[in-house]
C-alpha cells in the first residue's frame, strides 16, 4: 500500500526522542531552564536580541499586539492572504483589523496597497497602530518598505515570520535574517509540526527592545513579575506582583527540550527543503507543466526557507477566476485520489463569514482573489525522498488542467 504524502510533516529522530526523555527524567517539566536555552537558540538563529517562547504562534501574535499598545478602537493592518490568526490577534487586543491586498505572483502584502489603506484610514480619522506583514511560504515580506510606511504612519511593525525561520533578505547590500527585527519592532515564530522546527505546539516573540522584552515576559505569565527592581512592595523571597492583566501562555521545558534539539537540525532541514524546491522548480519550468502551472514567485531579494511549495494554475486567455478555481479543484481532487494530500494556503480572510459580518465582501481584494483561485500547496518536508518528489510531479503532470 502506497503511503499518503501530506503537504507537511514533522521530522523526529531518535535524538529528538532522547532529548524529551532526558527532560522527563529531570527536575523540570514546565517553566524551567530549558525554556531559556531554547530562547537563546532562537536568538542565535534569527539574530534578534531577545526571544520569549510561548504556547503557540497565535499567543505570540496576541501578546505582541498587547505589548505594542493595541487597545479598543485601534487599527491593525495585515495581509488578506494569511491564516486568520494574523488578523484575529488585533481583535483579541480590542482593536480592529484592516486587510490589505497582495501581489498575486508572490502572495505577499502589496506595499502600494498598504500605503493606500493607511491613507484611507487617515482620511476617516483612524490611526494605524500596528502593521503585521506576513512572510508567506518561506519568503519574507518587503520589510524595509513596510518599515518606511510604518515610520510615516507612526505604527509599530510586527513581522509574522511563522513561515520564514531560516530565510534571509537583502537590503542596500546587507543580508538580514527573518525575525531579526532589523526592520520591525517585533517578530513572531511558530513551532507547529508542519513548520521548520517543532515543539509540538509553540511560538515565540522576538524583539531587540529591552522594555518590550520585559513586558512580553509579564504578558506570558499572568502579568506577574518577581523582579525585585520592579516590585512596589517586597515582603519576602516568595513575593510576586501582577503588574497588568496577562495570560497563561507559557511553553514547557518538555516542549523546549524538543525545540532545542530541532533547532540544531535546522540547517539540514533548510538544505533539504531547498533541494526539494529546486527539483520542483526544474519540473515546472519545462515541458507541458511550464504551460499549465506556475510556481509561486520568490522575490529576488529573498532566499526562501520554503515552508511551503505553492504552485498556481495558469489562467488561459479570456478565462475568468471561477474557471481557474474549478481547474484547481479538479487537480486537488486528482492528487488526493493518487495518495497525495495537498493543501490550499490560504482562503482570503475577507471571505470568512466572521469577517463578512464585519463589512468585508467577496471581490474586495483583486490580487488576493487572483492568488487564491489557482494556488495549491504541494508536499514539502525534509523527510521526502527524491522519489516522493518525482511521484508528486508525475501526479501533477497527469492531473494538470490542459
Foldseek 3Di string as FASTA:
>chain_A
DDAFFEQFFFDDDPVLVVLLVVCVPDPFWFDDDLQVVLQVLLCVQAVFPGKDKFQAQLLQLQLVCVLLPQAAQAEEEEELFAPCSNQVSSVSRNYHYDYFFPALLASWGDLVRVLVVQVVCVVVVHAHAEYETEQPQFFFHPLQSVLVSCVVRVYFYEYACQAHRNKWFDDPHDIHGPQRCPRGQKYKYWAPRLHLHHLPGMMMIGGNDPVSNVSSVCQCCQQKDPPVVPDPDDPDNVDMDRPDGHDNGTGISSSSSSSSVSSVCNVVFQVLLVVLLVVVVVLCCDDPNVVFKAWRDHDPRMDGSRSWTKIFGDADVPDDLVVRLVLLVQLQVLSVVVSYHKAFRDQGPLPDPVNVVVPRDPPPHVSNSSNRSTMITGHGGNVDDPVNSVSRSVSCVVSGDD
